[in-house]
ModelCIF file with pLDDT and N, C-alpha, C, O atoms, coordinates in Angstrom:
data_MODEL
#
_entry.id   MODEL 
#
_entity.id                         1 
_entity.type                       polymer 
_entity.pdbx_number_of_molecules   1 
#
_entity_poly.entity_id                      1 
_entity_poly.type                           'polypeptide(L)' 
_entity_poly.nstd_linkage                   no 
_entity_poly.nstd_monomer                   no 
_entity_poly.pdbx_seq_one_letter_code       
;(UNK)(UNK)(UNK)(UNK)(UNK)(UNK)(UNK)(UNK)(UNK)(UNK)(UNK)(UNK)(UNK)(UNK)(UNK)(UNK)
(UNK)(UNK)(UNK)(UNK)(UNK)(UNK)(UNK)(UNK)(UNK)(UNK)(UNK)(UNK)(UNK)(UNK)(UNK)(UNK)
(UNK)(UNK)(UNK)(UNK)(UNK)(UNK)(UNK)(UNK)(UNK)(UNK)(UNK)(UNK)(UNK)(UNK)(UNK)
;
_entity_poly.pdbx_seq_one_letter_code_can   XXXXXXXXXXXXXXXXXXXXXXXXXXXXXXXXXXXXXXXXXXXXXXX 
_entity_poly.pdbx_strand_id                 A 
#
loop_
_entity_poly_seq.entity_id 
_entity_poly_seq.num 
_entity_poly_seq.mon_id 
_entity_poly_seq.hetero 
1 1  UNK n 
1 2  UNK n 
1 3  UNK n 
1 4  UNK n 
1 5  UNK n 
1 6  UNK n 
1 7  UNK n 
1 8  UNK n 
1 9  UNK n 
1 10 UNK n 
1 11 UNK n 
1 12 UNK n 
1 13 UNK n 
1 14 UNK n 
1 15 UNK n 
1 16 UNK n 
1 17 UNK n 
1 18 UNK n 
1 19 UNK n 
1 20 UNK n 
1 21 UNK n 
1 22 UNK n 
1 23 UNK n 
1 24 UNK n 
1 25 UNK n 
1 26 UNK n 
1 27 UNK n 
1 28 UNK n 
1 29 UNK n 
1 30 UNK n 
1 31 UNK n 
1 32 UNK n 
1 33 UNK n 
1 34 UNK n 
1 35 UNK n 
1 36 UNK n 
1 37 UNK n 
1 38 UNK n 
1 39 UNK n 
1 40 UNK n 
1 41 UNK n 
1 42 UNK n 
1 43 UNK n 
1 44 UNK n 
1 45 UNK n 
1 46 UNK n 
1 47 UNK n 
#
_struct_asym.id          A 
_struct_asym.entity_id   1 
#
loop_
_ma_qa_metric.id 
_ma_qa_metric.mode 
_ma_qa_metric.name 
_ma_qa_metric.software_group_id 
_ma_qa_metric.type 
1 global pLDDT . pLDDT 
2 local  pLDDT . pLDDT 
#
_ma_qa_metric_global.metric_id      1 
_ma_qa_metric_global.metric_value   94.11 
_ma_qa_metric_global.model_id       1 
_ma_qa_metric_global.ordinal_id     1 
#
loop_
_ma_qa_metric_local.label_asym_id 
_ma_qa_metric_local.label_comp_id 
_ma_qa_metric_local.label_seq_id 
_ma_qa_metric_local.metric_id 
_ma_qa_metric_local.metric_value 
_ma_qa_metric_local.model_id 
_ma_qa_metric_local.ordinal_id 
A UNK 1  2 97.00 1 1  
A UNK 2  2 96.00 1 2  
A UNK 3  2 95.00 1 3  
A UNK 4  2 91.00 1 4  
A UNK 5  2 88.00 1 5  
A UNK 6  2 82.00 1 6  
A UNK 7  2 86.00 1 7  
A UNK 8  2 91.00 1 8  
A UNK 9  2 93.00 1 9  
A UNK 10 2 94.00 1 10 
A UNK 11 2 95.00 1 11 
A UNK 12 2 95.00 1 12 
A UNK 13 2 93.00 1 13 
A UNK 14 2 96.00 1 14 
A UNK 15 2 96.00 1 15 
A UNK 16 2 97.00 1 16 
A UNK 17 2 97.00 1 17 
A UNK 18 2 98.00 1 18 
A UNK 19 2 98.00 1 19 
A UNK 20 2 98.00 1 20 
A UNK 21 2 97.00 1 21 
A UNK 22 2 97.00 1 22 
A UNK 23 2 97.00 1 23 
A UNK 24 2 96.00 1 24 
A UNK 25 2 95.00 1 25 
A UNK 26 2 94.00 1 26 
A UNK 27 2 94.00 1 27 
A UNK 28 2 95.00 1 28 
A UNK 29 2 95.00 1 29 
A UNK 30 2 95.00 1 30 
A UNK 31 2 95.00 1 31 
A UNK 32 2 97.00 1 32 
A UNK 33 2 97.00 1 33 
A UNK 34 2 97.00 1 34 
A UNK 35 2 98.00 1 35 
A UNK 36 2 98.00 1 36 
A UNK 37 2 98.00 1 37 
A UNK 38 2 98.00 1 38 
A UNK 39 2 97.00 1 39 
A UNK 40 2 97.00 1 40 
A UNK 41 2 96.00 1 41 
A UNK 42 2 95.00 1 42 
A UNK 43 2 92.00 1 43 
A UNK 44 2 88.00 1 44 
A UNK 45 2 81.00 1 45 
A UNK 46 2 85.00 1 46 
A UNK 47 2 83.00 1 47 
#
loop_
_atom_site.group_PDB 
_atom_site.id 
_atom_site.type_symbol 
_atom_site.label_atom_id 
_atom_site.label_alt_id 
_atom_site.label_comp_id 
_atom_site.label_asym_id 
_atom_site.label_entity_id 
_atom_site.label_seq_id 
_atom_site.pdbx_PDB_ins_code 
_atom_site.Cartn_x 
_atom_site.Cartn_y 
_atom_site.Cartn_z 
_atom_site.occupancy 
_atom_site.B_iso_or_equiv 
_atom_site.pdbx_formal_charge 
_atom_site.auth_seq_id 
_atom_site.auth_comp_id 
_atom_site.auth_asym_id 
_atom_site.auth_atom_id 
_atom_site.pdbx_PDB_model_num 
ATOM 1   N N  . UNK A 1 1  ? 49.990 137.412 -110.324 1.00 97.00 ? 1  UNK A N  1 
ATOM 2   C CA . UNK A 1 1  ? 50.703 136.136 -110.248 1.00 97.00 ? 1  UNK A CA 1 
ATOM 3   C C  . UNK A 1 1  ? 49.716 135.018 -109.949 1.00 97.00 ? 1  UNK A C  1 
ATOM 4   O O  . UNK A 1 1  ? 49.032 135.046 -108.926 1.00 97.00 ? 1  UNK A O  1 
ATOM 5   N N  . UNK A 1 2  ? 49.641 134.036 -110.837 1.00 96.00 ? 2  UNK A N  1 
ATOM 6   C CA . UNK A 1 2  ? 48.776 132.870 -110.649 1.00 96.00 ? 2  UNK A CA 1 
ATOM 7   C C  . UNK A 1 2  ? 49.658 131.643 -110.475 1.00 96.00 ? 2  UNK A C  1 
ATOM 8   O O  . UNK A 1 2  ? 50.355 131.244 -111.408 1.00 96.00 ? 2  UNK A O  1 
ATOM 9   N N  . UNK A 1 3  ? 49.637 131.042 -109.295 1.00 95.00 ? 3  UNK A N  1 
ATOM 10  C CA . UNK A 1 3  ? 50.470 129.864 -109.033 1.00 95.00 ? 3  UNK A CA 1 
ATOM 11  C C  . UNK A 1 3  ? 49.735 128.569 -109.367 1.00 95.00 ? 3  UNK A C  1 
ATOM 12  O O  . UNK A 1 3  ? 50.349 127.507 -109.462 1.00 95.00 ? 3  UNK A O  1 
ATOM 13  N N  . UNK A 1 4  ? 48.424 128.662 -109.544 1.00 91.00 ? 4  UNK A N  1 
ATOM 14  C CA . UNK A 1 4  ? 47.634 127.462 -109.817 1.00 91.00 ? 4  UNK A CA 1 
ATOM 15  C C  . UNK A 1 4  ? 47.942 126.850 -111.174 1.00 91.00 ? 4  UNK A C  1 
ATOM 16  O O  . UNK A 1 4  ? 48.357 127.538 -112.106 1.00 91.00 ? 4  UNK A O  1 
ATOM 17  N N  . UNK A 1 5  ? 47.730 125.534 -111.265 1.00 88.00 ? 5  UNK A N  1 
ATOM 18  C CA . UNK A 1 5  ? 47.995 124.814 -112.506 1.00 88.00 ? 5  UNK A CA 1 
ATOM 19  C C  . UNK A 1 5  ? 46.724 124.240 -113.132 1.00 88.00 ? 5  UNK A C  1 
ATOM 20  O O  . UNK A 1 5  ? 46.752 123.778 -114.273 1.00 88.00 ? 5  UNK A O  1 
ATOM 21  N N  . UNK A 1 6  ? 45.616 124.263 -112.399 1.00 82.00 ? 6  UNK A N  1 
ATOM 22  C CA . UNK A 1 6  ? 44.404 123.596 -112.875 1.00 82.00 ? 6  UNK A CA 1 
ATOM 23  C C  . UNK A 1 6  ? 43.512 124.424 -113.775 1.00 82.00 ? 6  UNK A C  1 
ATOM 24  O O  . UNK A 1 6  ? 42.843 123.882 -114.654 1.00 82.00 ? 6  UNK A O  1 
ATOM 25  N N  . UNK A 1 7  ? 43.492 125.737 -113.566 1.00 86.00 ? 7  UNK A N  1 
ATOM 26  C CA . UNK A 1 7  ? 42.595 126.610 -114.325 1.00 86.00 ? 7  UNK A CA 1 
ATOM 27  C C  . UNK A 1 7  ? 43.424 127.660 -115.071 1.00 86.00 ? 7  UNK A C  1 
ATOM 28  O O  . UNK A 1 7  ? 44.065 128.509 -114.451 1.00 86.00 ? 7  UNK A O  1 
ATOM 29  N N  . UNK A 1 8  ? 43.405 127.597 -116.393 1.00 91.00 ? 8  UNK A N  1 
ATOM 30  C CA . UNK A 1 8  ? 44.144 128.565 -117.211 1.00 91.00 ? 8  UNK A CA 1 
ATOM 31  C C  . UNK A 1 8  ? 43.466 129.931 -117.122 1.00 91.00 ? 8  UNK A C  1 
ATOM 32  O O  . UNK A 1 8  ? 42.249 130.034 -117.278 1.00 91.00 ? 8  UNK A O  1 
ATOM 33  N N  . UNK A 1 9  ? 44.252 130.976 -116.873 1.00 93.00 ? 9  UNK A N  1 
ATOM 34  C CA . UNK A 1 9  ? 43.720 132.335 -116.754 1.00 93.00 ? 9  UNK A CA 1 
ATOM 35  C C  . UNK A 1 9  ? 44.295 133.201 -117.875 1.00 93.00 ? 9  UNK A C  1 
ATOM 36  O O  . UNK A 1 9  ? 45.505 133.217 -118.100 1.00 93.00 ? 9  UNK A O  1 
ATOM 37  N N  . UNK A 1 10 ? 43.424 133.911 -118.567 1.00 94.00 ? 10 UNK A N  1 
ATOM 38  C CA . UNK A 1 10 ? 43.849 134.804 -119.645 1.00 94.00 ? 10 UNK A CA 1 
ATOM 39  C C  . UNK A 1 10 ? 43.569 136.261 -119.258 1.00 94.00 ? 10 UNK A C  1 
ATOM 40  O O  . UNK A 1 10 ? 42.634 136.523 -118.501 1.00 94.00 ? 10 UNK A O  1 
ATOM 41  N N  . UNK A 1 11 ? 44.354 137.198 -119.759 1.00 95.00 ? 11 UNK A N  1 
ATOM 42  C CA . UNK A 1 11 ? 44.170 138.607 -119.393 1.00 95.00 ? 11 UNK A CA 1 
ATOM 43  C C  . UNK A 1 11 ? 43.064 139.310 -120.176 1.00 95.00 ? 11 UNK A C  1 
ATOM 44  O O  . UNK A 1 11 ? 42.510 140.302 -119.703 1.00 95.00 ? 11 UNK A O  1 
ATOM 45  N N  . UNK A 1 12 ? 42.739 138.813 -121.356 1.00 95.00 ? 12 UNK A N  1 
ATOM 46  C CA . UNK A 1 12 ? 41.792 139.497 -122.241 1.00 95.00 ? 12 UNK A CA 1 
ATOM 47  C C  . UNK A 1 12 ? 40.379 139.526 -121.628 1.00 95.00 ? 12 UNK A C  1 
ATOM 48  O O  . UNK A 1 12 ? 39.766 138.486 -121.386 1.00 95.00 ? 12 UNK A O  1 
ATOM 49  N N  . UNK A 1 13 ? 39.893 140.730 -121.391 1.00 93.00 ? 13 UNK A N  1 
ATOM 50  C CA . UNK A 1 13 ? 38.562 140.894 -120.812 1.00 93.00 ? 13 UNK A CA 1 
ATOM 51  C C  . UNK A 1 13 ? 38.480 140.464 -119.362 1.00 93.00 ? 13 UNK A C  1 
ATOM 52  O O  . UNK A 1 13 ? 37.382 140.271 -118.842 1.00 93.00 ? 13 UNK A O  1 
ATOM 53  N N  . UNK A 1 14 ? 39.613 140.310 -118.697 1.00 96.00 ? 14 UNK A N  1 
ATOM 54  C CA . UNK A 1 14 ? 39.667 139.807 -117.326 1.00 96.00 ? 14 UNK A CA 1 
ATOM 55  C C  . UNK A 1 14 ? 39.237 140.901 -116.334 1.00 96.00 ? 14 UNK A C  1 
ATOM 56  O O  . UNK A 1 14 ? 39.939 141.903 -116.196 1.00 96.00 ? 14 UNK A O  1 
ATOM 57  N N  . UNK A 1 15 ? 38.096 140.729 -115.640 1.00 96.00 ? 15 UNK A N  1 
ATOM 58  C CA . UNK A 1 15 ? 37.622 141.780 -114.726 1.00 96.00 ? 15 UNK A CA 1 
ATOM 59  C C  . UNK A 1 15 ? 38.523 141.974 -113.514 1.00 96.00 ? 15 UNK A C  1 
ATOM 60  O O  . UNK A 1 15 ? 38.618 143.082 -112.988 1.00 96.00 ? 15 UNK A O  1 
ATOM 61  N N  . UNK A 1 16 ? 39.184 140.910 -113.066 1.00 97.00 ? 16 UNK A N  1 
ATOM 62  C CA . UNK A 1 16 ? 40.065 141.028 -111.907 1.00 97.00 ? 16 UNK A CA 1 
ATOM 63  C C  . UNK A 1 16 ? 41.219 141.983 -112.194 1.00 97.00 ? 16 UNK A C  1 
ATOM 64  O O  . UNK A 1 16 ? 41.549 142.826 -111.360 1.00 97.00 ? 16 UNK A O  1 
ATOM 65  N N  . UNK A 1 17 ? 41.828 141.857 -113.361 1.00 97.00 ? 17 UNK A N  1 
ATOM 66  C CA . UNK A 1 17 ? 42.938 142.739 -113.724 1.00 97.00 ? 17 UNK A CA 1 
ATOM 67  C C  . UNK A 1 17 ? 42.472 144.185 -113.884 1.00 97.00 ? 17 UNK A C  1 
ATOM 68  O O  . UNK A 1 17 ? 43.176 145.113 -113.487 1.00 97.00 ? 17 UNK A O  1 
ATOM 69  N N  . UNK A 1 18 ? 41.299 144.375 -114.460 1.00 98.00 ? 18 UNK A N  1 
ATOM 70  C CA . UNK A 1 18 ? 40.774 145.729 -114.619 1.00 98.00 ? 18 UNK A CA 1 
ATOM 71  C C  . UNK A 1 18 ? 40.456 146.361 -113.263 1.00 98.00 ? 18 UNK A C  1 
ATOM 72  O O  . UNK A 1 18 ? 40.656 147.560 -113.070 1.00 98.00 ? 18 UNK A O  1 
ATOM 73  N N  . UNK A 1 19 ? 39.971 145.565 -112.348 1.00 98.00 ? 19 UNK A N  1 
ATOM 74  C CA . UNK A 1 19 ? 39.692 146.009 -110.978 1.00 98.00 ? 19 UNK A CA 1 
ATOM 75  C C  . UNK A 1 19 ? 40.993 146.504 -110.330 1.00 98.00 ? 19 UNK A C  1 
ATOM 76  O O  . UNK A 1 19 ? 41.036 147.584 -109.741 1.00 98.00 ? 19 UNK A O  1 
ATOM 77  N N  . UNK A 1 20 ? 42.059 145.684 -110.453 1.00 98.00 ? 20 UNK A N  1 
ATOM 78  C CA . UNK A 1 20 ? 43.354 146.067 -109.889 1.00 98.00 ? 20 UNK A CA 1 
ATOM 79  C C  . UNK A 1 20 ? 43.891 147.350 -110.544 1.00 98.00 ? 20 UNK A C  1 
ATOM 80  O O  . UNK A 1 20 ? 44.400 148.242 -109.865 1.00 98.00 ? 20 UNK A O  1 
ATOM 81  N N  . UNK A 1 21 ? 43.767 147.419 -111.871 1.00 97.00 ? 21 UNK A N  1 
ATOM 82  C CA . UNK A 1 21 ? 44.277 148.597 -112.596 1.00 97.00 ? 21 UNK A CA 1 
ATOM 83  C C  . UNK A 1 21 ? 43.531 149.860 -112.179 1.00 97.00 ? 21 UNK A C  1 
ATOM 84  O O  . UNK A 1 21 ? 44.135 150.917 -111.998 1.00 97.00 ? 21 UNK A O  1 
ATOM 85  N N  . UNK A 1 22 ? 42.219 149.742 -112.029 1.00 97.00 ? 22 UNK A N  1 
ATOM 86  C CA . UNK A 1 22 ? 41.416 150.882 -111.581 1.00 97.00 ? 22 UNK A CA 1 
ATOM 87  C C  . UNK A 1 22 ? 41.848 151.299 -110.181 1.00 97.00 ? 22 UNK A C  1 
ATOM 88  O O  . UNK A 1 22 ? 41.966 152.490 -109.890 1.00 97.00 ? 22 UNK A O  1 
ATOM 89  N N  . UNK A 1 23 ? 42.084 150.310 -109.311 1.00 97.00 ? 23 UNK A N  1 
ATOM 90  C CA . UNK A 1 23 ? 42.541 150.602 -107.953 1.00 97.00 ? 23 UNK A CA 1 
ATOM 91  C C  . UNK A 1 23 ? 43.869 151.338 -107.942 1.00 97.00 ? 23 UNK A C  1 
ATOM 92  O O  . UNK A 1 23 ? 44.074 152.253 -107.144 1.00 97.00 ? 23 UNK A O  1 
ATOM 93  N N  . UNK A 1 24 ? 44.776 150.934 -108.835 1.00 96.00 ? 24 UNK A N  1 
ATOM 94  C CA . UNK A 1 24 ? 46.087 151.586 -108.916 1.00 96.00 ? 24 UNK A CA 1 
ATOM 95  C C  . UNK A 1 24 ? 45.955 153.022 -109.416 1.00 96.00 ? 24 UNK A C  1 
ATOM 96  O O  . UNK A 1 24 ? 46.644 153.917 -108.928 1.00 96.00 ? 24 UNK A O  1 
ATOM 97  N N  . UNK A 1 25 ? 45.076 153.240 -110.381 1.00 95.00 ? 25 UNK A N  1 
ATOM 98  C CA . UNK A 1 25 ? 44.907 154.592 -110.925 1.00 95.00 ? 25 UNK A CA 1 
ATOM 99  C C  . UNK A 1 25 ? 44.272 155.535 -109.915 1.00 95.00 ? 25 UNK A C  1 
ATOM 100 O O  . UNK A 1 25 ? 44.641 156.706 -109.826 1.00 95.00 ? 25 UNK A O  1 
ATOM 101 N N  . UNK A 1 26 ? 43.315 155.015 -109.157 1.00 94.00 ? 26 UNK A N  1 
ATOM 102 C CA . UNK A 1 26 ? 42.582 155.860 -108.214 1.00 94.00 ? 26 UNK A CA 1 
ATOM 103 C C  . UNK A 1 26 ? 43.429 156.214 -106.986 1.00 94.00 ? 26 UNK A C  1 
ATOM 104 O O  . UNK A 1 26 ? 43.277 157.294 -106.415 1.00 94.00 ? 26 UNK A O  1 
ATOM 105 N N  . UNK A 1 27 ? 44.315 155.307 -106.585 1.00 94.00 ? 27 UNK A N  1 
ATOM 106 C CA . UNK A 1 27 ? 45.039 155.501 -105.321 1.00 94.00 ? 27 UNK A CA 1 
ATOM 107 C C  . UNK A 1 27 ? 46.505 155.900 -105.503 1.00 94.00 ? 27 UNK A C  1 
ATOM 108 O O  . UNK A 1 27 ? 47.271 155.876 -104.540 1.00 94.00 ? 27 UNK A O  1 
ATOM 109 N N  . UNK A 1 28 ? 46.899 156.263 -106.707 1.00 95.00 ? 28 UNK A N  1 
ATOM 110 C CA . UNK A 1 28 ? 48.265 156.737 -106.959 1.00 95.00 ? 28 UNK A CA 1 
ATOM 111 C C  . UNK A 1 28 ? 48.203 158.002 -107.814 1.00 95.00 ? 28 UNK A C  1 
ATOM 112 O O  . UNK A 1 28 ? 47.154 158.310 -108.379 1.00 95.00 ? 28 UNK A O  1 
ATOM 113 N N  . UNK A 1 29 ? 49.303 158.731 -107.916 1.00 95.00 ? 29 UNK A N  1 
ATOM 114 C CA . UNK A 1 29 ? 49.322 159.924 -108.780 1.00 95.00 ? 29 UNK A CA 1 
ATOM 115 C C  . UNK A 1 29 ? 49.583 159.588 -110.247 1.00 95.00 ? 29 UNK A C  1 
ATOM 116 O O  . UNK A 1 29 ? 49.691 160.488 -111.080 1.00 95.00 ? 29 UNK A O  1 
ATOM 117 N N  . UNK A 1 30 ? 49.685 158.295 -110.567 1.00 95.00 ? 30 UNK A N  1 
ATOM 118 C CA . UNK A 1 30 ? 50.003 157.892 -111.939 1.00 95.00 ? 30 UNK A CA 1 
ATOM 119 C C  . UNK A 1 30 ? 48.825 158.192 -112.872 1.00 95.00 ? 30 UNK A C  1 
ATOM 120 O O  . UNK A 1 30 ? 47.677 157.880 -112.556 1.00 95.00 ? 30 UNK A O  1 
ATOM 121 N N  . UNK A 1 31 ? 49.122 158.793 -114.011 1.00 95.00 ? 31 UNK A N  1 
ATOM 122 C CA . UNK A 1 31 ? 48.092 159.097 -115.008 1.00 95.00 ? 31 UNK A CA 1 
ATOM 123 C C  . UNK A 1 31 ? 48.535 158.550 -116.370 1.00 95.00 ? 31 UNK A C  1 
ATOM 124 O O  . UNK A 1 31 ? 49.072 159.287 -117.196 1.00 95.00 ? 31 UNK A O  1 
ATOM 125 N N  . UNK A 1 32 ? 48.308 157.272 -116.593 1.00 97.00 ? 32 UNK A N  1 
ATOM 126 C CA . UNK A 1 32 ? 48.780 156.637 -117.829 1.00 97.00 ? 32 UNK A CA 1 
ATOM 127 C C  . UNK A 1 32 ? 47.866 156.880 -119.022 1.00 97.00 ? 32 UNK A C  1 
ATOM 128 O O  . UNK A 1 32 ? 46.689 157.207 -118.872 1.00 97.00 ? 32 UNK A O  1 
ATOM 129 N N  . UNK A 1 33 ? 48.439 156.712 -120.205 1.00 97.00 ? 33 UNK A N  1 
ATOM 130 C CA . UNK A 1 33 ? 47.643 156.699 -121.429 1.00 97.00 ? 33 UNK A CA 1 
ATOM 131 C C  . UNK A 1 33 ? 47.264 155.258 -121.791 1.00 97.00 ? 33 UNK A C  1 
ATOM 132 O O  . UNK A 1 33 ? 46.184 154.986 -122.314 1.00 97.00 ? 33 UNK A O  1 
ATOM 133 N N  . UNK A 1 34 ? 48.193 154.353 -121.492 1.00 97.00 ? 34 UNK A N  1 
ATOM 134 C CA . UNK A 1 34 ? 47.969 152.939 -121.760 1.00 97.00 ? 34 UNK A CA 1 
ATOM 135 C C  . UNK A 1 34 ? 48.135 152.133 -120.476 1.00 97.00 ? 34 UNK A C  1 
ATOM 136 O O  . UNK A 1 34 ? 48.879 152.516 -119.573 1.00 97.00 ? 34 UNK A O  1 
ATOM 137 N N  . UNK A 1 35 ? 47.429 151.015 -120.416 1.00 98.00 ? 35 UNK A N  1 
ATOM 138 C CA . UNK A 1 35 ? 47.537 150.117 -119.269 1.00 98.00 ? 35 UNK A CA 1 
ATOM 139 C C  . UNK A 1 35 ? 47.788 148.706 -119.794 1.00 98.00 ? 35 UNK A C  1 
ATOM 140 O O  . UNK A 1 35 ? 47.041 148.201 -120.632 1.00 98.00 ? 35 UNK A O  1 
ATOM 141 N N  . UNK A 1 36 ? 48.845 148.080 -119.291 1.00 98.00 ? 36 UNK A N  1 
ATOM 142 C CA . UNK A 1 36 ? 49.157 146.706 -119.683 1.00 98.00 ? 36 UNK A CA 1 
ATOM 143 C C  . UNK A 1 36 ? 48.727 145.771 -118.560 1.00 98.00 ? 36 UNK A C  1 
ATOM 144 O O  . UNK A 1 36 ? 49.169 145.907 -117.419 1.00 98.00 ? 36 UNK A O  1 
ATOM 145 N N  . UNK A 1 37 ? 47.867 144.830 -118.893 1.00 98.00 ? 37 UNK A N  1 
ATOM 146 C CA . UNK A 1 37 ? 47.336 143.876 -117.927 1.00 98.00 ? 37 UNK A CA 1 
ATOM 147 C C  . UNK A 1 37 ? 48.033 142.538 -118.160 1.00 98.00 ? 37 UNK A C  1 
ATOM 148 O O  . UNK A 1 37 ? 47.962 141.977 -119.254 1.00 98.00 ? 37 UNK A O  1 
ATOM 149 N N  . UNK A 1 38 ? 48.706 142.031 -117.126 1.00 98.00 ? 38 UNK A N  1 
ATOM 150 C CA . UNK A 1 38 ? 49.577 140.868 -117.296 1.00 98.00 ? 38 UNK A CA 1 
ATOM 151 C C  . UNK A 1 38 ? 49.216 139.732 -116.337 1.00 98.00 ? 38 UNK A C  1 
ATOM 152 O O  . UNK A 1 38 ? 49.007 139.953 -115.144 1.00 98.00 ? 38 UNK A O  1 
ATOM 153 N N  . UNK A 1 39 ? 49.146 138.528 -116.873 1.00 97.00 ? 39 UNK A N  1 
ATOM 154 C CA . UNK A 1 39 ? 49.014 137.306 -116.078 1.00 97.00 ? 39 UNK A CA 1 
ATOM 155 C C  . UNK A 1 39 ? 50.330 136.553 -116.179 1.00 97.00 ? 39 UNK A C  1 
ATOM 156 O O  . UNK A 1 39 ? 50.822 136.303 -117.280 1.00 97.00 ? 39 UNK A O  1 
ATOM 157 N N  . UNK A 1 40 ? 50.907 136.188 -115.029 1.00 97.00 ? 40 UNK A N  1 
ATOM 158 C CA . UNK A 1 40 ? 52.079 135.311 -115.012 1.00 97.00 ? 40 UNK A CA 1 
ATOM 159 C C  . UNK A 1 40 ? 51.637 134.020 -114.332 1.00 97.00 ? 40 UNK A C  1 
ATOM 160 O O  . UNK A 1 40 ? 51.366 134.000 -113.131 1.00 97.00 ? 40 UNK A O  1 
ATOM 161 N N  . UNK A 1 41 ? 51.566 132.947 -115.111 1.00 96.00 ? 41 UNK A N  1 
ATOM 162 C CA . UNK A 1 41 ? 51.064 131.658 -114.615 1.00 96.00 ? 41 UNK A CA 1 
ATOM 163 C C  . UNK A 1 41 ? 52.020 130.547 -115.069 1.00 96.00 ? 41 UNK A C  1 
ATOM 164 O O  . UNK A 1 41 ? 51.760 129.873 -116.066 1.00 96.00 ? 41 UNK A O  1 
ATOM 165 N N  . UNK A 1 42 ? 53.116 130.360 -114.346 1.00 95.00 ? 42 UNK A N  1 
ATOM 166 C CA . UNK A 1 42 ? 54.183 129.457 -114.794 1.00 95.00 ? 42 UNK A CA 1 
ATOM 167 C C  . UNK A 1 42 ? 53.814 127.977 -114.840 1.00 95.00 ? 42 UNK A C  1 
ATOM 168 O O  . UNK A 1 42 ? 54.398 127.224 -115.619 1.00 95.00 ? 42 UNK A O  1 
ATOM 169 N N  . UNK A 1 43 ? 52.851 127.547 -114.017 1.00 92.00 ? 43 UNK A N  1 
ATOM 170 C CA . UNK A 1 43 ? 52.591 126.100 -113.923 1.00 92.00 ? 43 UNK A CA 1 
ATOM 171 C C  . UNK A 1 43 ? 51.472 125.613 -114.839 1.00 92.00 ? 43 UNK A C  1 
ATOM 172 O O  . UNK A 1 43 ? 51.148 124.426 -114.833 1.00 92.00 ? 43 UNK A O  1 
ATOM 173 N N  . UNK A 1 44 ? 50.887 126.494 -115.612 1.00 88.00 ? 44 UNK A N  1 
ATOM 174 C CA . UNK A 1 44 ? 49.785 126.104 -116.495 1.00 88.00 ? 44 UNK A CA 1 
ATOM 175 C C  . UNK A 1 44 ? 50.225 126.315 -117.943 1.00 88.00 ? 44 UNK A C  1 
ATOM 176 O O  . UNK A 1 44 ? 50.421 127.452 -118.374 1.00 88.00 ? 44 UNK A O  1 
ATOM 177 N N  . UNK A 1 45 ? 50.379 125.229 -118.690 1.00 81.00 ? 45 UNK A N  1 
ATOM 178 C CA . UNK A 1 45 ? 50.913 125.297 -120.052 1.00 81.00 ? 45 UNK A CA 1 
ATOM 179 C C  . UNK A 1 45 ? 49.991 126.050 -120.997 1.00 81.00 ? 45 UNK A C  1 
ATOM 180 O O  . UNK A 1 45 ? 48.773 125.876 -120.970 1.00 81.00 ? 45 UNK A O  1 
ATOM 181 N N  . UNK A 1 46 ? 50.591 126.889 -121.831 1.00 85.00 ? 46 UNK A N  1 
ATOM 182 C CA . UNK A 1 46 ? 49.858 127.637 -122.845 1.00 85.00 ? 46 UNK A CA 1 
ATOM 183 C C  . UNK A 1 46 ? 50.830 127.939 -123.979 1.00 85.00 ? 46 UNK A C  1 
ATOM 184 O O  . UNK A 1 46 ? 52.000 128.227 -123.726 1.00 85.00 ? 46 UNK A O  1 
ATOM 185 N N  . UNK A 1 47 ? 50.360 127.877 -125.237 1.00 83.00 ? 47 UNK A N  1 
ATOM 186 C CA . UNK A 1 47 ? 51.268 128.140 -126.369 1.00 83.00 ? 47 UNK A CA 1 
ATOM 187 C C  . UNK A 1 47 ? 52.008 129.468 -126.264 1.00 83.00 ? 47 UNK A C  1 
ATOM 188 O O  . UNK A 1 47 ? 52.797 129.807 -127.147 1.00 83.00 ? 47 UNK A O  1 
#
């Protein structure tokens, strides 16, 4: 969740999201085949 409006954040190649995803995989019993990395940034306009 990104509440900021000044800096647009994209998920593609985003190291922060990959860091979080790796943390979730290592510390849970979940073993996914696919991982969806999502940015929700309501205050920053994007097409």
